[in-house]
Amino acid sequence: LNDAKAKDSDRVQQLQQDLSHQKDEFEAHAARNLQFINSLLSDKETLNAKVSALSQDLKALEEKHETKVREIEERHVAMGSSQKAQWANLEKRKRTAWQEEQTKKN
């Protein structure tokens, strides 16, 4: 009877040791997972900051581009008006010269 109790006691101690060892392994595994999760969260924050900075840079570049496009369009309109006025003036001089030539011939 004592022999059976001793075997049961040894078996209980072995199971408790196994359970303790398994608990330590699971806690270590959980700690590694938490460290990995914290690392991922840190990386995410870093990437979010980079995305935010790039987004602001992109917005600034878009505004700069829109401003340049507007300036070019304004110059184009002004140049077109100037060239149209020059063309009209040149045509008027040609017409006047042609009319004077026609008047001299007649």
PDB file of N, CA and C in Angstrom:
ATOM      1  N   LEU A   1       0.823  -1.191   0.000  1.00  0.00           N
ATOM      2  CA  LEU A   1       0.000   0.000   0.000  1.00  0.00           C
ATOM      3  C   LEU A   1       0.869   1.258   0.000  1.00  0.00           C
ATOM      4  N   ASN A   2       1.912   1.233   0.838  1.00  0.00           N
ATOM      5  CA  ASN A   2       2.828   2.363   0.877  1.00  0.00           C
ATOM      6  C   ASN A   2       3.571   2.498  -0.443  1.00  0.00           C
ATOM      7  N   ASP A   3       3.849   1.392  -1.060  1.00  0.00           N
ATOM      8  CA  ASP A   3       4.533   1.399  -2.348  1.00  0.00           C
ATOM      9  C   ASP A   3       3.650   2.061  -3.403  1.00  0.00           C
ATOM     10  N   ALA A   4       2.367   1.796  -3.397  1.00  0.00           N
ATOM     11  CA  ALA A   4       1.428   2.403  -4.341  1.00  0.00           C
ATOM     12  C   ALA A   4       1.309   3.896  -4.082  1.00  0.00           C
ATOM     13  N   LYS A   5       1.306   4.285  -2.787  1.00  0.00           N
ATOM     14  CA  LYS A   5       1.236   5.704  -2.434  1.00  0.00           C
ATOM     15  C   LYS A   5       2.501   6.427  -2.880  1.00  0.00           C
ATOM     16  N   ALA A   6       3.611   5.783  -2.734  1.00  0.00           N
ATOM     17  CA  ALA A   6       4.891   6.376  -3.141  1.00  0.00           C
ATOM     18  C   ALA A   6       4.925   6.550  -4.654  1.00  0.00           C
ATOM     19  N   LYS A   7       4.435   5.529  -5.387  1.00  0.00           N
ATOM     20  CA  LYS A   7       4.393   5.643  -6.848  1.00  0.00           C
ATOM     21  C   LYS A   7       3.447   6.767  -7.263  1.00  0.00           C
ATOM     22  N   ASP A   8       2.294   6.860  -6.582  1.00  0.00           N
ATOM     23  CA  ASP A   8       1.337   7.932  -6.896  1.00  0.00           C
ATOM     24  C   ASP A   8       1.940   9.296  -6.573  1.00  0.00           C
ATOM     25  N   SER A   9       2.655   9.368  -5.454  1.00  0.00           N
ATOM     26  CA  SER A   9       3.286  10.621  -5.048  1.00  0.00           C
ATOM     27  C   SER A   9       4.353  11.024  -6.066  1.00  0.00           C
ATOM     28  N   ASP A  10       5.171  10.053  -6.503  1.00  0.00           N
ATOM     29  CA  ASP A  10       6.192  10.321  -7.519  1.00  0.00           C
ATOM     30  C   ASP A  10       5.530  10.767  -8.826  1.00  0.00           C
ATOM     31  N   ARG A  11       4.460  10.081  -9.169  1.00  0.00           N
ATOM     32  CA  ARG A  11       3.746  10.421 -10.422  1.00  0.00           C
ATOM     33  C   ARG A  11       3.161  11.832 -10.348  1.00  0.00           C
ATOM     34  N   VAL A  12       2.595  12.209  -9.191  1.00  0.00           N
ATOM     35  CA  VAL A  12       2.034  13.551  -8.996  1.00  0.00           C
ATOM     36  C   VAL A  12       3.141  14.588  -9.093  1.00  0.00           C
ATOM     37  N   GLN A  13       4.297  14.307  -8.466  1.00  0.00           N
ATOM     38  CA  GLN A  13       5.424  15.241  -8.537  1.00  0.00           C
ATOM     39  C   GLN A  13       5.908  15.395  -9.986  1.00  0.00           C
ATOM     40  N   GLN A  14       5.986  14.294 -10.703  1.00  0.00           N
ATOM     41  CA  GLN A  14       6.430  14.343 -12.107  1.00  0.00           C
ATOM     42  C   GLN A  14       5.439  15.165 -12.932  1.00  0.00           C
ATOM     43  N   LEU A  15       4.153  14.951 -12.724  1.00  0.00           N
ATOM     44  CA  LEU A  15       3.135  15.705 -13.463  1.00  0.00           C
ATOM     45  C   LEU A  15       3.188  17.189 -13.101  1.00  0.00           C
ATOM     46  N   GLN A  16       3.446  17.493 -11.820  1.00  0.00           N
ATOM     47  CA  GLN A  16       3.562  18.898 -11.414  1.00  0.00           C
ATOM     48  C   GLN A  16       4.789  19.554 -12.042  1.00  0.00           C
ATOM     49  N   GLN A  17       5.882  18.801 -12.113  1.00  0.00           N
ATOM     50  CA  GLN A  17       7.090  19.326 -12.756  1.00  0.00           C
ATOM     51  C   GLN A  17       6.847  19.553 -14.252  1.00  0.00           C
ATOM     52  N   ASP A  18       6.189  18.577 -14.876  1.00  0.00           N
ATOM     53  CA  ASP A  18       5.868  18.722 -16.303  1.00  0.00           C
ATOM     54  C   ASP A  18       4.965  19.919 -16.530  1.00  0.00           C
ATOM     55  N   LEU A  19       3.969  20.052 -15.658  1.00  0.00           N
ATOM     56  CA  LEU A  19       3.049  21.179 -15.771  1.00  0.00           C
ATOM     57  C   LEU A  19       3.770  22.501 -15.561  1.00  0.00           C
ATOM     58  N   SER A  20       4.662  22.548 -14.577  1.00  0.00           N
ATOM     59  CA  SER A  20       5.444  23.759 -14.309  1.00  0.00           C
ATOM     60  C   SER A  20       6.335  24.095 -15.497  1.00  0.00           C
ATOM     61  N   HIS A  21       6.978  23.069 -16.056  1.00  0.00           N
ATOM     62  CA  HIS A  21       7.848  23.275 -17.220  1.00  0.00           C
ATOM     63  C   HIS A  21       7.020  23.772 -18.414  1.00  0.00           C
ATOM     64  N   GLN A  22       5.866  23.150 -18.622  1.00  0.00           N
ATOM     65  CA  GLN A  22       5.000  23.558 -19.735  1.00  0.00           C
ATOM     66  C   GLN A  22       4.503  24.986 -19.530  1.00  0.00           C
ATOM     67  N   LYS A  23       4.174  25.337 -18.281  1.00  0.00           N
ATOM     68  CA  LYS A  23       3.729  26.704 -17.968  1.00  0.00           C
ATOM     69  C   LYS A  23       4.842  27.700 -18.283  1.00  0.00           C
ATOM     70  N   ASP A  24       6.073  27.388 -17.899  1.00  0.00           N
ATOM     71  CA  ASP A  24       7.212  28.271 -18.181  1.00  0.00           C
ATOM     72  C   ASP A  24       7.401  28.454 -19.684  1.00  0.00           C
ATOM     73  N   GLU A  25       7.267  27.337 -20.438  1.00  0.00           N
ATOM     74  CA  GLU A  25       7.400  27.433 -21.894  1.00  0.00           C
ATOM     75  C   GLU A  25       6.311  28.317 -22.493  1.00  0.00           C
ATOM     76  N   PHE A  26       5.079  28.130 -22.041  1.00  0.00           N
ATOM     77  CA  PHE A  26       3.983  28.953 -22.570  1.00  0.00           C
ATOM     78  C   PHE A  26       4.152  30.424 -22.211  1.00  0.00           C
ATOM     79  N   GLU A  27       4.612  30.700 -20.989  1.00  0.00           N
ATOM     80  CA  GLU A  27       4.844  32.084 -20.582  1.00  0.00           C
ATOM     81  C   GLU A  27       5.957  32.713 -21.411  1.00  0.00           C
ATOM     82  N   ALA A  28       7.024  31.941 -21.671  1.00  0.00           N
ATOM     83  CA  ALA A  28       8.125  32.447 -22.498  1.00  0.00           C
ATOM     84  C   ALA A  28       7.620  32.703 -23.925  1.00  0.00           C
ATOM     85  N   HIS A  29       6.809  31.785 -24.435  1.00  0.00           N
ATOM     86  CA  HIS A  29       6.255  31.943 -25.779  1.00  0.00           C
ATOM     87  C   HIS A  29       5.339  33.166 -25.832  1.00  0.00           C
ATOM     88  N   ALA A  30       4.527  33.337 -24.813  1.00  0.00           N
ATOM     89  CA  ALA A  30       3.641  34.509 -24.757  1.00  0.00           C
ATOM     90  C   ALA A  30       4.453  35.794 -24.680  1.00  0.00           C
ATOM     91  N   ALA A  31       5.538  35.772 -23.899  1.00  0.00           N
ATOM     92  CA  ALA A  31       6.396  36.954 -23.792  1.00  0.00           C
ATOM     93  C   ALA A  31       7.018  37.295 -25.145  1.00  0.00           C
ATOM     94  N   ARG A  32       7.481  36.261 -25.883  1.00  0.00           N
ATOM     95  CA  ARG A  32       8.054  36.504 -27.218  1.00  0.00           C
ATOM     96  C   ARG A  32       6.986  37.081 -28.149  1.00  0.00           C
ATOM     97  N   ASN A  33       5.774  36.542 -28.059  1.00  0.00           N
ATOM     98  CA  ASN A  33       4.692  37.053 -28.907  1.00  0.00           C
ATOM     99  C   ASN A  33       4.360  38.503 -28.577  1.00  0.00           C
ATOM    100  N   LEU A  34       4.333  38.827 -27.283  1.00  0.00           N
ATOM    101  CA  LEU A  34       4.066  40.212 -26.885  1.00  0.00           C
ATOM    102  C   LEU A  34       5.172  41.143 -27.366  1.00  0.00           C
ATOM    103  N   GLN A  35       6.410  40.673 -27.279  1.00  0.00           N
ATOM    104  CA  GLN A  35       7.534  41.484 -27.764  1.00  0.00           C
ATOM    105  C   GLN A  35       7.404  41.694 -29.275  1.00  0.00           C
ATOM    106  N   PHE A  36       7.027  40.653 -29.995  1.00  0.00           N
ATOM    107  CA  PHE A  36       6.845  40.757 -31.442  1.00  0.00           C
ATOM    108  C   PHE A  36       5.708  41.717 -31.775  1.00  0.00           C
ATOM    109  N   ILE A  37       4.610  41.619 -31.031  1.00  0.00           N
ATOM    110  CA  ILE A  37       3.472  42.519 -31.254  1.00  0.00           C
ATOM    111  C   ILE A  37       3.885  43.963 -30.986  1.00  0.00           C
ATOM    112  N   ASN A  38       4.622  44.192 -29.907  1.00  0.00           N
ATOM    113  CA  ASN A  38       5.096  45.550 -29.607  1.00  0.00           C
ATOM    114  C   ASN A  38       6.014  46.061 -30.701  1.00  0.00           C
ATOM    115  N   SER A  39       6.843  45.185 -31.237  1.00  0.00           N
ATOM    116  CA  SER A  39       7.729  45.554 -32.345  1.00  0.00           C
ATOM    117  C   SER A  39       6.912  45.943 -33.577  1.00  0.00           C
ATOM    118  N   LEU A  40       5.870  45.146 -33.866  1.00  0.00           N
ATOM    119  CA  LEU A  40       5.005  45.461 -35.008  1.00  0.00           C
ATOM    120  C   LEU A  40       4.285  46.788 -34.813  1.00  0.00           C
ATOM    121  N   LEU A  41       3.811  47.041 -33.603  1.00  0.00           N
ATOM    122  CA  LEU A  41       3.126  48.309 -33.324  1.00  0.00           C
ATOM    123  C   LEU A  41       4.087  49.489 -33.483  1.00  0.00           C
ATOM    124  N   SER A  42       5.313  49.299 -33.025  1.00  0.00           N
ATOM    125  CA  SER A  42       6.327  50.357 -33.177  1.00  0.00           C
ATOM    126  C   SER A  42       6.610  50.614 -34.652  1.00  0.00           C
ATOM    127  N   ASP A  43       6.766  49.535 -35.424  1.00  0.00           N
ATOM    128  CA  ASP A  43       6.999  49.677 -36.860  1.00  0.00           C
ATOM    129  C   ASP A  43       5.814  50.370 -37.532  1.00  0.00           C
ATOM    130  N   LYS A  44       4.616  50.011 -37.097  1.00  0.00           N
ATOM    131  CA  LYS A  44       3.411  50.624 -37.670  1.00  0.00           C
ATOM    132  C   LYS A  44       3.404  52.124 -37.399  1.00  0.00           C
ATOM    133  N   GLU A  45       3.738  52.528 -36.185  1.00  0.00           N
ATOM    134  CA  GLU A  45       3.780  53.953 -35.858  1.00  0.00           C
ATOM    135  C   GLU A  45       4.813  54.672 -36.715  1.00  0.00           C
ATOM    136  N   THR A  46       5.960  54.053 -36.894  1.00  0.00           N
ATOM    137  CA  THR A  46       7.015  54.646 -37.719  1.00  0.00           C
ATOM    138  C   THR A  46       6.536  54.804 -39.165  1.00  0.00           C
ATOM    139  N   LEU A  47       5.926  53.743 -39.686  1.00  0.00           N
ATOM    140  CA  LEU A  47       5.433  53.795 -41.065  1.00  0.00           C
ATOM    141  C   LEU A  47       4.301  54.810 -41.218  1.00  0.00           C
ATOM    142  N   ASN A  48       3.435  54.897 -40.228  1.00  0.00           N
ATOM    143  CA  ASN A  48       2.362  55.894 -40.284  1.00  0.00           C
ATOM    144  C   ASN A  48       2.935  57.306 -40.315  1.00  0.00           C
ATOM    145  N   ALA A  49       3.993  57.536 -39.548  1.00  0.00           N
ATOM    146  CA  ALA A  49       4.636  58.849 -39.553  1.00  0.00           C
ATOM    147  C   ALA A  49       5.236  59.143 -40.930  1.00  0.00           C
ATOM    148  N   LYS A  50       5.871  58.122 -41.526  1.00  0.00           N
ATOM    149  CA  LYS A  50       6.453  58.309 -42.865  1.00  0.00           C
ATOM    150  C   LYS A  50       5.372  58.581 -43.898  1.00  0.00           C
ATOM    151  N   VAL A  51       4.269  57.829 -43.816  1.00  0.00           N
ATOM    152  CA  VAL A  51       3.164  58.026 -44.759  1.00  0.00           C
ATOM    153  C   VAL A  51       2.600  59.429 -44.606  1.00  0.00           C
ATOM    154  N   SER A  52       2.447  59.870 -43.379  1.00  0.00           N
ATOM    155  CA  SER A  52       1.927  61.213 -43.130  1.00  0.00           C
ATOM    156  C   SER A  52       2.860  62.276 -43.718  1.00  0.00           C
ATOM    157  N   ALA A  53       4.153  62.108 -43.503  1.00  0.00           N
ATOM    158  CA  ALA A  53       5.128  63.064 -44.042  1.00  0.00           C
ATOM    159  C   ALA A  53       5.099  63.064 -45.571  1.00  0.00           C
ATOM    160  N   LEU A  54       5.052  61.872 -46.162  1.00  0.00           N
ATOM    161  CA  LEU A  54       5.010  61.785 -47.625  1.00  0.00           C
ATOM    162  C   LEU A  54       3.710  62.373 -48.173  1.00  0.00           C
ATOM    163  N   SER A  55       2.637  62.176 -47.451  1.00  0.00           N
ATOM    164  CA  SER A  55       1.347  62.725 -47.872  1.00  0.00           C
ATOM    165  C   SER A  55       1.397  64.254 -47.868  1.00  0.00           C
ATOM    166  N   GLN A  56       1.994  64.812 -46.835  1.00  0.00           N
ATOM    167  CA  GLN A  56       2.137  66.271 -46.772  1.00  0.00           C
ATOM    168  C   GLN A  56       3.038  66.774 -47.892  1.00  0.00           C
ATOM    169  N   ASP A  57       4.132  66.059 -48.145  1.00  0.00           N
ATOM    170  CA  ASP A  57       5.032  66.443 -49.235  1.00  0.00           C
ATOM    171  C   ASP A  57       4.311  66.396 -50.580  1.00  0.00           C
ATOM    172  N   LEU A  58       3.540  65.346 -50.775  1.00  0.00           N
ATOM    173  CA  LEU A  58       2.788  65.203 -52.021  1.00  0.00           C
ATOM    174  C   LEU A  58       1.785  66.334 -52.180  1.00  0.00           C
ATOM    175  N   LYS A  59       1.100  66.676 -51.110  1.00  0.00           N
ATOM    176  CA  LYS A  59       0.124  67.768 -51.158  1.00  0.00           C
ATOM    177  C   LYS A  59       0.815  69.084 -51.508  1.00  0.00           C
ATOM    178  N   ALA A  60       1.977  69.326 -50.897  1.00  0.00           N
ATOM    179  CA  ALA A  60       2.729  70.549 -51.189  1.00  0.00           C
ATOM    180  C   ALA A  60       3.169  70.570 -52.651  1.00  0.00           C
ATOM    181  N   LEU A  61       3.624  69.435 -53.158  1.00  0.00           N
ATOM    182  CA  LEU A  61       4.047  69.370 -54.564  1.00  0.00           C
ATOM    183  C   LEU A  61       2.866  69.580 -55.504  1.00  0.00           C
ATOM    184  N   GLU A  62       1.713  69.022 -55.162  1.00  0.00           N
ATOM    185  CA  GLU A  62       0.528  69.209 -55.993  1.00  0.00           C
ATOM    186  C   GLU A  62       0.127  70.681 -56.035  1.00  0.00           C
ATOM    187  N   GLU A  63       0.160  71.346 -54.876  1.00  0.00           N
ATOM    188  CA  GLU A  63      -0.169  72.775 -54.836  1.00  0.00           C
ATOM    189  C   GLU A  63       0.828  73.577 -55.668  1.00  0.00           C
ATOM    190  N   LYS A  64       2.109  73.244 -55.550  1.00  0.00           N
ATOM    191  CA  LYS A  64       3.146  73.936 -56.321  1.00  0.00           C
ATOM    192  C   LYS A  64       2.915  73.722 -57.816  1.00  0.00           C
ATOM    193  N   HIS A  65       2.587  72.495 -58.189  1.00  0.00           N
ATOM    194  CA  HIS A  65       2.325  72.169 -59.593  1.00  0.00           C
ATOM    195  C   HIS A  65       1.107  72.935 -60.105  1.00  0.00           C
ATOM    196  N   GLU A  66       0.039  72.966 -59.321  1.00  0.00           N
ATOM    197  CA  GLU A  66      -1.160  73.695 -59.738  1.00  0.00           C
ATOM    198  C   GLU A  66      -0.867  75.178 -59.922  1.00  0.00           C
ATOM    199  N   THR A  67      -0.065  75.742 -59.032  1.00  0.00           N
ATOM    200  CA  THR A  67       0.306  77.155 -59.147  1.00  0.00           C
ATOM    201  C   THR A  67       1.087  77.398 -60.432  1.00  0.00           C
ATOM    202  N   LYS A  68       2.043  76.523 -60.733  1.00  0.00           N
ATOM    203  CA  LYS A  68       2.836  76.684 -61.955  1.00  0.00           C
ATOM    204  C   LYS A  68       1.962  76.538 -63.195  1.00  0.00           C
ATOM    205  N   VAL A  69       1.032  75.587 -63.169  1.00  0.00           N
ATOM    206  CA  VAL A  69       0.139  75.400 -64.318  1.00  0.00           C
ATOM    207  C   VAL A  69      -0.699  76.656 -64.531  1.00  0.00           C
ATOM    208  N   ARG A  70      -1.239  77.214 -63.434  1.00  0.00           N
ATOM    209  CA  ARG A  70      -2.027  78.450 -63.557  1.00  0.00           C
ATOM    210  C   ARG A  70      -1.182  79.583 -64.133  1.00  0.00           C
ATOM    211  N   GLU A  71       0.050  79.710 -63.658  1.00  0.00           N
ATOM    212  CA  GLU A  71       0.938  80.769 -64.163  1.00  0.00           C
ATOM    213  C   GLU A  71       1.200  80.581 -65.660  1.00  0.00           C
ATOM    214  N   ILE A  72       1.464  79.350 -66.058  1.00  0.00           N
ATOM    215  CA  ILE A  72       1.729  79.076 -67.476  1.00  0.00           C
ATOM    216  C   ILE A  72       0.495  79.378 -68.314  1.00  0.00           C
ATOM    217  N   GLU A  73      -0.681  78.995 -67.827  1.00  0.00           N
ATOM    218  CA  GLU A  73      -1.919  79.284 -68.560  1.00  0.00           C
ATOM    219  C   GLU A  73      -2.138  80.782 -68.689  1.00  0.00           C
ATOM    220  N   GLU A  74      -1.877  81.523 -67.606  1.00  0.00           N
ATOM    221  CA  GLU A  74      -2.032  82.978 -67.653  1.00  0.00           C
ATOM    222  C   GLU A  74      -1.057  83.600 -68.660  1.00  0.00           C
ATOM    223  N   ARG A  75       0.190  83.116 -68.649  1.00  0.00           N
ATOM    224  CA  ARG A  75       1.166  83.625 -69.621  1.00  0.00           C
ATOM    225  C   ARG A  75       0.743  83.278 -71.045  1.00  0.00           C
ATOM    226  N   HIS A  76       0.219  82.081 -71.213  1.00  0.00           N
ATOM    227  CA  HIS A  76      -0.235  81.651 -72.532  1.00  0.00           C
ATOM    228  C   HIS A  76      -1.367  82.541 -73.034  1.00  0.00           C
ATOM    229  N   VAL A  77      -2.326  82.827 -72.174  1.00  0.00           N
ATOM    230  CA  VAL A  77      -3.447  83.694 -72.561  1.00  0.00           C
ATOM    231  C   VAL A  77      -2.929  85.094 -72.896  1.00  0.00           C
ATOM    232  N   ALA A  78      -2.038  85.619 -72.046  1.00  0.00           N
ATOM    233  CA  ALA A  78      -1.490  86.955 -72.290  1.00  0.00           C
ATOM    234  C   ALA A  78      -0.694  86.978 -73.586  1.00  0.00           C
ATOM    235  N   MET A  79       0.108  85.942 -73.816  1.00  0.00           N
ATOM    236  CA  MET A  79       0.910  85.885 -75.036  1.00  0.00           C
ATOM    237  C   MET A  79       0.003  85.770 -76.255  1.00  0.00           C
ATOM    238  N   GLY A  80      -1.051  84.977 -76.131  1.00  0.00           N
ATOM    239  CA  GLY A  80      -1.992  84.833 -77.243  1.00  0.00           C
ATOM    240  C   GLY A  80      -2.665  86.159 -77.565  1.00  0.00           C
ATOM    241  N   SER A  81      -3.060  86.882 -76.546  1.00  0.00           N
ATOM    242  CA  SER A  81      -3.686  88.193 -76.767  1.00  0.00           C
ATOM    243  C   SER A  81      -2.705  89.154 -77.427  1.00  0.00           C
ATOM    244  N   SER A  82      -1.472  89.149 -76.956  1.00  0.00           N
ATOM    245  CA  SER A  82      -0.444  90.025 -77.514  1.00  0.00           C
ATOM    246  C   SER A  82      -0.178  89.671 -78.975  1.00  0.00           C
ATOM    247  N   GLN A  83      -0.051  88.377 -79.272  1.00  0.00           N
ATOM    248  CA  GLN A  83       0.214  87.966 -80.645  1.00  0.00           C
ATOM    249  C   GLN A  83      -0.979  88.268 -81.552  1.00  0.00           C
ATOM    250  N   LYS A  84      -2.181  88.131 -81.014  1.00  0.00           N
ATOM    251  CA  LYS A  84      -3.366  88.449 -81.811  1.00  0.00           C
ATOM    252  C   LYS A  84      -3.390  89.935 -82.138  1.00  0.00           C
ATOM    253  N   ALA A  85      -3.041  90.778 -81.171  1.00  0.00           N
ATOM    254  CA  ALA A  85      -2.997  92.219 -81.407  1.00  0.00           C
ATOM    255  C   ALA A  85      -1.921  92.554 -82.433  1.00  0.00           C
ATOM    256  N   GLN A  86      -0.767  91.907 -82.341  1.00  0.00           N
ATOM    257  CA  GLN A  86       0.305  92.144 -83.305  1.00  0.00           C
ATOM    258  C   GLN A  86      -0.131  91.709 -84.705  1.00  0.00           C
ATOM    259  N   TRP A  87      -0.775  90.557 -84.794  1.00  0.00           N
ATOM    260  CA  TRP A  87      -1.249  90.053 -86.087  1.00  0.00           C
ATOM    261  C   TRP A  87      -2.278  91.014 -86.685  1.00  0.00           C
ATOM    262  N   ALA A  88      -3.207  91.505 -85.837  1.00  0.00           N
ATOM    263  CA  ALA A  88      -4.230  92.435 -86.327  1.00  0.00           C
ATOM    264  C   ALA A  88      -3.573  93.724 -86.813  1.00  0.00           C
ATOM    265  N   ASN A  89      -2.582  94.219 -86.103  1.00  0.00           N
ATOM    266  CA  ASN A  89      -1.873  95.439 -86.482  1.00  0.00           C
ATOM    267  C   ASN A  89      -1.126  95.229 -87.796  1.00  0.00           C
ATOM    268  N   LEU A  90      -0.474  94.067 -87.929  1.00  0.00           N
ATOM    269  CA  LEU A  90       0.250  93.767 -89.166  1.00  0.00           C
ATOM    270  C   LEU A  90      -0.714  93.690 -90.348  1.00  0.00           C
ATOM    271  N   GLU A  91      -1.863  93.024 -90.174  1.00  0.00           N
ATOM    272  CA  GLU A  91      -2.856  92.922 -91.243  1.00  0.00           C
ATOM    273  C   GLU A  91      -3.388  94.293 -91.625  1.00  0.00           C
ATOM    274  N   LYS A  92      -3.567  95.136 -90.632  1.00  0.00           N
ATOM    275  CA  LYS A  92      -4.063  96.497 -90.905  1.00  0.00           C
ATOM    276  C   LYS A  92      -3.043  97.277 -91.742  1.00  0.00           C
ATOM    277  N   ARG A  93      -1.757  97.129 -91.394  1.00  0.00           N
ATOM    278  CA  ARG A  93      -0.724  97.828 -92.166  1.00  0.00           C
ATOM    279  C   ARG A  93      -0.647  97.289 -93.592  1.00  0.00           C
ATOM    280  N   LYS A  94      -0.767  95.959 -93.729  1.00  0.00           N
ATOM    281  CA  LYS A  94      -0.751  95.371 -95.074  1.00  0.00           C
ATOM    282  C   LYS A  94      -1.928  95.889 -95.898  1.00  0.00           C
ATOM    283  N   ARG A  95      -3.111  95.912 -95.270  1.00  0.00           N
ATOM    284  CA  ARG A  95      -4.302  96.378 -95.970  1.00  0.00           C
ATOM    285  C   ARG A  95      -4.152  97.850 -96.377  1.00  0.00           C
ATOM    286  N   THR A  96      -3.634  98.658 -95.456  1.00  0.00           N
ATOM    287  CA  THR A  96      -3.436 100.079 -95.743  1.00  0.00           C
ATOM    288  C   THR A  96      -2.442 100.249 -96.884  1.00  0.00           C
ATOM    289  N   ALA A  97      -1.332  99.482 -96.832  1.00  0.00           N
ATOM    290  CA  ALA A  97      -0.324  99.579 -97.896  1.00  0.00           C
ATOM    291  C   ALA A  97      -0.921  99.128 -99.219  1.00  0.00           C
ATOM    292  N   TRP A  98      -1.721  98.050 -99.194  1.00  0.00           N
ATOM    293  CA  TRP A  98      -2.341  97.560-100.422  1.00  0.00           C
ATOM    294  C   TRP A  98      -3.323  98.588-100.981  1.00  0.00           C
ATOM    295  N   GLN A  99      -4.085  99.215-100.078  1.00  0.00           N
ATOM    296  CA  GLN A  99      -5.058 100.220-100.522  1.00  0.00           C
ATOM    297  C   GLN A  99      -4.332 101.429-101.123  1.00  0.00           C
ATOM    298  N   GLU A 100      -3.243 101.844-100.504  1.00  0.00           N
ATOM    299  CA  GLU A 100      -2.484 102.973-101.039  1.00  0.00           C
ATOM    300  C   GLU A 100      -1.899 102.604-102.412  1.00  0.00           C
ATOM    301  N   GLU A 101      -1.439 101.368-102.542  1.00  0.00           N
ATOM    302  CA  GLU A 101      -0.899 100.925-103.813  1.00  0.00           C
ATOM    303  C   GLU A 101      -1.977 100.917-104.874  1.00  0.00           C
ATOM    304  N   GLN A 102      -3.141 100.455-104.523  1.00  0.00           N
ATOM    305  CA  GLN A 102      -4.273 100.412-105.461  1.00  0.00           C
ATOM    306  C   GLN A 102      -4.694 101.820-105.854  1.00  0.00           C
ATOM    307  N   THR A 103      -4.649 102.747-104.896  1.00  0.00           N
ATOM    308  CA  THR A 103      -5.031 104.123-105.163  1.00  0.00           C
ATOM    309  C   THR A 103      -4.007 104.773-106.116  1.00  0.00           C
ATOM    310  N   LYS A 104      -2.733 104.465-105.944  1.00  0.00           N
ATOM    311  CA  LYS A 104      -1.693 105.032-106.799  1.00  0.00           C
ATOM    312  C   LYS A 104      -1.812 104.474-108.222  1.00  0.00           C
ATOM    313  N   LYS A 105      -2.199 103.209-108.341  1.00  0.00           N
ATOM    314  CA  LYS A 105      -2.335 102.607-109.672  1.00  0.00           C
ATOM    315  C   LYS A 105      -3.506 103.225-110.429  1.00  0.00           C
ATOM    316  N   ASN A 106      -4.533 103.570-109.724  1.00  0.00           N
ATOM    317  CA  ASN A 106      -5.731 104.105-110.400  1.00  0.00           C
ATOM    318  C   ASN A 106      -5.560 105.541-110.605  1.00  0.00           C
TER     319      ASN A 106
END
